């Protein structure tokens, strides 16, 4: 059994990380991300990267896993925003 603080960390990590899944699915299904702020997602992704590096330095698995997955999800939203935005841009 995990110690209480680590268990709490994993539960919090699960909730905050998987909160991004509906956003990723919505952008994927709609094939556009017009309402997504590129600047916010860039700053957010950089912050998550820093948290991931922090977690790696501490060996804190809840921080590492949550931020690793969150970074992938946030970068997926950014990539889809750029991809779908390029396709719908007037030529």
N, C-alpha and C. Protein backbone atom coordinates (compact mmCIF):
# COMPACT_ATOMS: atom_id res chain seq x y z
N UNK A 1 0.85 -1.19 0.00
CA UNK A 1 0.00 0.00 0.00
C UNK A 1 0.89 1.25 0.00
N UNK A 2 0.48 2.24 -0.76
CA UNK A 2 1.24 3.49 -0.83
C UNK A 2 1.05 4.31 0.43
N UNK A 3 2.08 5.07 0.84
CA UNK A 3 1.90 6.01 1.95
C UNK A 3 0.83 7.04 1.59
N UNK A 4 0.12 7.54 2.56
CA UNK A 4 -1.00 8.47 2.33
C UNK A 4 -0.62 9.67 1.46
N UNK A 5 0.51 10.36 1.70
CA UNK A 5 0.83 11.51 0.85
C UNK A 5 1.06 11.13 -0.61
N UNK A 6 1.70 9.98 -0.85
CA UNK A 6 1.96 9.55 -2.22
C UNK A 6 0.65 9.14 -2.89
N UNK A 7 -0.23 8.47 -2.17
CA UNK A 7 -1.54 8.09 -2.71
C UNK A 7 -2.34 9.34 -3.07
N UNK A 8 -2.33 10.31 -2.20
CA UNK A 8 -3.00 11.58 -2.46
C UNK A 8 -2.41 12.24 -3.70
N UNK A 9 -1.10 12.18 -3.85
CA UNK A 9 -0.44 12.74 -5.03
C UNK A 9 -0.87 12.05 -6.31
N UNK A 10 -0.97 10.73 -6.29
CA UNK A 10 -1.40 10.00 -7.48
C UNK A 10 -2.86 10.30 -7.83
N UNK A 11 -3.71 10.43 -6.83
CA UNK A 11 -5.13 10.75 -7.09
C UNK A 11 -5.24 12.15 -7.68
N UNK A 12 -4.53 13.10 -7.10
CA UNK A 12 -4.54 14.48 -7.63
C UNK A 12 -3.96 14.50 -9.04
N UNK A 13 -2.89 13.78 -9.27
CA UNK A 13 -2.27 13.73 -10.59
C UNK A 13 -3.24 13.16 -11.62
N UNK A 14 -3.95 12.11 -11.26
CA UNK A 14 -4.92 11.51 -12.17
C UNK A 14 -6.00 12.54 -12.55
N UNK A 15 -6.55 13.22 -11.56
CA UNK A 15 -7.63 14.17 -11.81
C UNK A 15 -7.17 15.34 -12.69
N UNK A 16 -6.05 15.94 -12.36
CA UNK A 16 -5.61 17.12 -13.12
C UNK A 16 -5.09 16.74 -14.50
N UNK A 17 -4.52 15.57 -14.63
CA UNK A 17 -4.00 15.15 -15.93
C UNK A 17 -5.12 14.77 -16.87
N UNK A 18 -6.01 13.92 -16.43
CA UNK A 18 -7.05 13.43 -17.32
C UNK A 18 -8.17 14.43 -17.54
N UNK A 19 -8.10 15.58 -16.87
CA UNK A 19 -9.02 16.67 -17.18
C UNK A 19 -8.77 17.20 -18.59
N UNK A 20 -7.58 16.94 -19.14
CA UNK A 20 -7.25 17.41 -20.50
C UNK A 20 -7.79 16.49 -21.59
N UNK A 21 -8.13 15.28 -21.26
CA UNK A 21 -8.59 14.33 -22.28
C UNK A 21 -9.83 14.84 -23.01
N UNK A 22 -10.86 15.36 -22.33
CA UNK A 22 -12.01 15.88 -23.08
C UNK A 22 -11.64 17.00 -24.06
N UNK A 23 -10.69 17.84 -23.70
CA UNK A 23 -10.27 18.92 -24.60
C UNK A 23 -9.60 18.35 -25.85
N UNK A 24 -8.73 17.38 -25.67
CA UNK A 24 -8.06 16.75 -26.80
C UNK A 24 -9.08 16.08 -27.71
N UNK A 25 -10.02 15.36 -27.13
CA UNK A 25 -11.04 14.68 -27.92
C UNK A 25 -11.95 15.67 -28.66
N UNK A 26 -12.30 16.76 -28.00
CA UNK A 26 -13.15 17.77 -28.62
C UNK A 26 -12.47 18.39 -29.84
N UNK A 27 -11.22 18.79 -29.69
CA UNK A 27 -10.48 19.38 -30.81
C UNK A 27 -10.35 18.37 -31.94
N UNK A 28 -10.07 17.12 -31.60
CA UNK A 28 -9.92 16.08 -32.61
C UNK A 28 -11.23 15.87 -33.38
N UNK A 29 -12.33 15.79 -32.66
CA UNK A 29 -13.63 15.55 -33.32
C UNK A 29 -14.08 16.74 -34.17
N UNK A 30 -13.86 17.95 -33.66
CA UNK A 30 -14.31 19.15 -34.38
C UNK A 30 -13.37 19.53 -35.52
N UNK A 31 -12.15 19.04 -35.46
CA UNK A 31 -11.13 19.34 -36.47
C UNK A 31 -10.80 20.84 -36.53
N UNK A 32 -10.95 21.52 -35.41
CA UNK A 32 -10.50 22.90 -35.30
C UNK A 32 -10.33 23.24 -33.82
N UNK A 33 -9.52 24.25 -33.59
CA UNK A 33 -9.26 24.69 -32.22
C UNK A 33 -9.26 26.21 -32.18
N UNK A 34 -10.24 26.79 -32.86
CA UNK A 34 -10.30 28.25 -32.96
C UNK A 34 -10.37 28.93 -31.60
N UNK A 35 -11.02 28.31 -30.64
CA UNK A 35 -11.17 28.93 -29.32
C UNK A 35 -10.01 28.67 -28.38
N UNK A 36 -8.99 27.98 -28.83
CA UNK A 36 -7.84 27.65 -27.99
C UNK A 36 -6.79 28.75 -28.13
N UNK A 37 -6.31 29.24 -27.01
CA UNK A 37 -5.27 30.27 -27.01
C UNK A 37 -3.90 29.62 -27.17
N UNK A 38 -3.24 29.93 -28.28
CA UNK A 38 -1.90 29.40 -28.52
C UNK A 38 -0.93 29.85 -27.44
N UNK A 39 -0.97 31.13 -27.09
CA UNK A 39 -0.07 31.65 -26.07
C UNK A 39 -0.25 30.96 -24.73
N UNK A 40 -1.50 30.77 -24.33
CA UNK A 40 -1.76 30.10 -23.05
C UNK A 40 -1.22 28.68 -23.07
N UNK A 41 -1.46 27.93 -24.16
CA UNK A 41 -0.99 26.55 -24.23
C UNK A 41 0.53 26.47 -24.30
N UNK A 42 1.18 27.44 -24.95
CA UNK A 42 2.65 27.44 -24.98
C UNK A 42 3.23 27.69 -23.59
N UNK A 43 2.70 28.68 -22.90
CA UNK A 43 3.18 28.99 -21.55
C UNK A 43 2.87 27.83 -20.60
N UNK A 44 1.65 27.30 -20.71
CA UNK A 44 1.25 26.17 -19.88
C UNK A 44 2.17 24.97 -20.12
N UNK A 45 2.44 24.65 -21.39
CA UNK A 45 3.29 23.51 -21.72
C UNK A 45 4.71 23.70 -21.18
N UNK A 46 5.22 24.91 -21.26
CA UNK A 46 6.55 25.18 -20.70
C UNK A 46 6.54 24.98 -19.19
N UNK A 47 5.50 25.45 -18.53
CA UNK A 47 5.38 25.26 -17.08
C UNK A 47 5.30 23.79 -16.71
N UNK A 48 4.54 23.02 -17.48
CA UNK A 48 4.42 21.59 -17.22
C UNK A 48 5.76 20.90 -17.45
N UNK A 49 6.50 21.32 -18.47
CA UNK A 49 7.83 20.78 -18.70
C UNK A 49 8.73 21.04 -17.49
N UNK A 50 8.66 22.24 -16.94
CA UNK A 50 9.46 22.55 -15.75
C UNK A 50 9.05 21.70 -14.56
N UNK A 51 7.75 21.48 -14.37
CA UNK A 51 7.28 20.59 -13.29
C UNK A 51 7.78 19.17 -13.51
N UNK A 52 7.79 18.72 -14.76
CA UNK A 52 8.29 17.39 -15.07
C UNK A 52 9.77 17.28 -14.70
N UNK A 53 10.56 18.28 -15.08
CA UNK A 53 11.98 18.28 -14.73
C UNK A 53 12.19 18.32 -13.22
N UNK A 54 11.37 19.10 -12.53
CA UNK A 54 11.41 19.17 -11.07
C UNK A 54 11.12 17.79 -10.46
N UNK A 55 10.07 17.15 -10.96
CA UNK A 55 9.72 15.83 -10.47
C UNK A 55 10.82 14.81 -10.72
N UNK A 56 11.46 14.90 -11.89
CA UNK A 56 12.57 14.00 -12.19
C UNK A 56 13.73 14.20 -11.23
N UNK A 57 14.02 15.45 -10.89
CA UNK A 57 15.12 15.73 -9.96
C UNK A 57 14.83 15.18 -8.57
N UNK A 58 13.55 15.22 -8.18
CA UNK A 58 13.17 14.73 -6.85
C UNK A 58 12.89 13.23 -6.84
N UNK A 59 12.67 12.66 -8.01
CA UNK A 59 12.24 11.26 -8.06
C UNK A 59 10.82 11.09 -7.57
N UNK A 60 9.99 12.12 -7.75
CA UNK A 60 8.60 12.12 -7.27
C UNK A 60 7.69 11.58 -8.37
N UNK A 61 7.33 10.31 -8.28
CA UNK A 61 6.59 9.66 -9.35
C UNK A 61 5.22 10.27 -9.64
N UNK A 62 4.46 10.71 -8.66
CA UNK A 62 3.19 11.36 -9.01
C UNK A 62 3.40 12.61 -9.87
N UNK A 63 4.43 13.38 -9.56
CA UNK A 63 4.74 14.60 -10.31
C UNK A 63 5.26 14.24 -11.71
N UNK A 64 6.10 13.23 -11.79
CA UNK A 64 6.68 12.81 -13.07
C UNK A 64 5.59 12.30 -14.01
N UNK A 65 4.79 11.38 -13.53
CA UNK A 65 3.76 10.77 -14.39
C UNK A 65 2.71 11.80 -14.81
N UNK A 66 2.22 12.56 -13.86
CA UNK A 66 1.18 13.53 -14.18
C UNK A 66 1.66 14.55 -15.19
N UNK A 67 2.83 15.09 -14.99
CA UNK A 67 3.31 16.13 -15.87
C UNK A 67 3.80 15.59 -17.21
N UNK A 68 4.31 14.37 -17.22
CA UNK A 68 4.68 13.75 -18.49
C UNK A 68 3.46 13.55 -19.38
N UNK A 69 2.39 13.02 -18.82
CA UNK A 69 1.17 12.79 -19.58
C UNK A 69 0.50 14.11 -19.95
N UNK A 70 0.45 15.04 -19.00
CA UNK A 70 -0.17 16.35 -19.27
C UNK A 70 0.58 17.07 -20.38
N UNK A 71 1.90 17.00 -20.38
CA UNK A 71 2.68 17.65 -21.43
C UNK A 71 2.34 17.07 -22.80
N UNK A 72 2.23 15.76 -22.89
CA UNK A 72 1.87 15.13 -24.16
C UNK A 72 0.48 15.59 -24.61
N UNK A 73 -0.49 15.61 -23.69
CA UNK A 73 -1.84 16.03 -24.04
C UNK A 73 -1.88 17.50 -24.48
N UNK A 74 -1.20 18.38 -23.75
CA UNK A 74 -1.19 19.80 -24.10
C UNK A 74 -0.51 20.01 -25.46
N UNK A 75 0.57 19.30 -25.71
CA UNK A 75 1.25 19.43 -27.00
C UNK A 75 0.40 18.87 -28.13
N UNK A 76 -0.41 17.86 -27.85
CA UNK A 76 -1.34 17.34 -28.86
C UNK A 76 -2.36 18.41 -29.24
N UNK A 77 -2.88 19.13 -28.26
CA UNK A 77 -3.84 20.20 -28.55
C UNK A 77 -3.16 21.27 -29.40
N UNK A 78 -1.95 21.67 -29.03
CA UNK A 78 -1.22 22.67 -29.82
C UNK A 78 -0.96 22.19 -31.24
N UNK A 79 -0.53 20.96 -31.38
CA UNK A 79 -0.24 20.42 -32.71
C UNK A 79 -1.51 20.39 -33.56
N UNK A 80 -2.63 19.98 -32.97
CA UNK A 80 -3.88 19.95 -33.73
C UNK A 80 -4.34 21.36 -34.08
N UNK A 81 -4.13 22.31 -33.16
CA UNK A 81 -4.51 23.70 -33.44
C UNK A 81 -3.74 24.19 -34.66
N UNK A 82 -2.44 23.95 -34.69
CA UNK A 82 -1.63 24.40 -35.82
C UNK A 82 -1.99 23.64 -37.10
N UNK A 83 -2.19 22.35 -36.98
CA UNK A 83 -2.50 21.53 -38.16
C UNK A 83 -3.86 21.90 -38.74
N UNK A 84 -4.88 21.92 -37.91
CA UNK A 84 -6.22 22.23 -38.40
C UNK A 84 -6.33 23.69 -38.83
N UNK A 85 -5.61 24.58 -38.16
CA UNK A 85 -5.62 26.00 -38.53
C UNK A 85 -4.99 26.24 -39.88
N UNK A 86 -3.94 25.50 -40.19
CA UNK A 86 -3.27 25.60 -41.48
C UNK A 86 -4.18 25.10 -42.60
N UNK A 87 -4.92 24.05 -42.33
CA UNK A 87 -5.82 23.48 -43.34
C UNK A 87 -6.98 24.40 -43.66
N UNK A 88 -7.46 25.14 -42.65
CA UNK A 88 -8.64 25.97 -42.87
C UNK A 88 -8.30 27.41 -43.23
N UNK A 89 -7.01 27.74 -43.25
CA UNK A 89 -6.60 29.12 -43.58
C UNK A 89 -6.88 29.42 -45.06
N UNK A 90 -7.36 30.62 -45.35
CA UNK A 90 -7.60 30.97 -46.75
C UNK A 90 -6.29 31.03 -47.53
N UNK A 91 -6.35 30.63 -48.78
CA UNK A 91 -5.12 30.61 -49.61
C UNK A 91 -5.23 31.61 -50.70
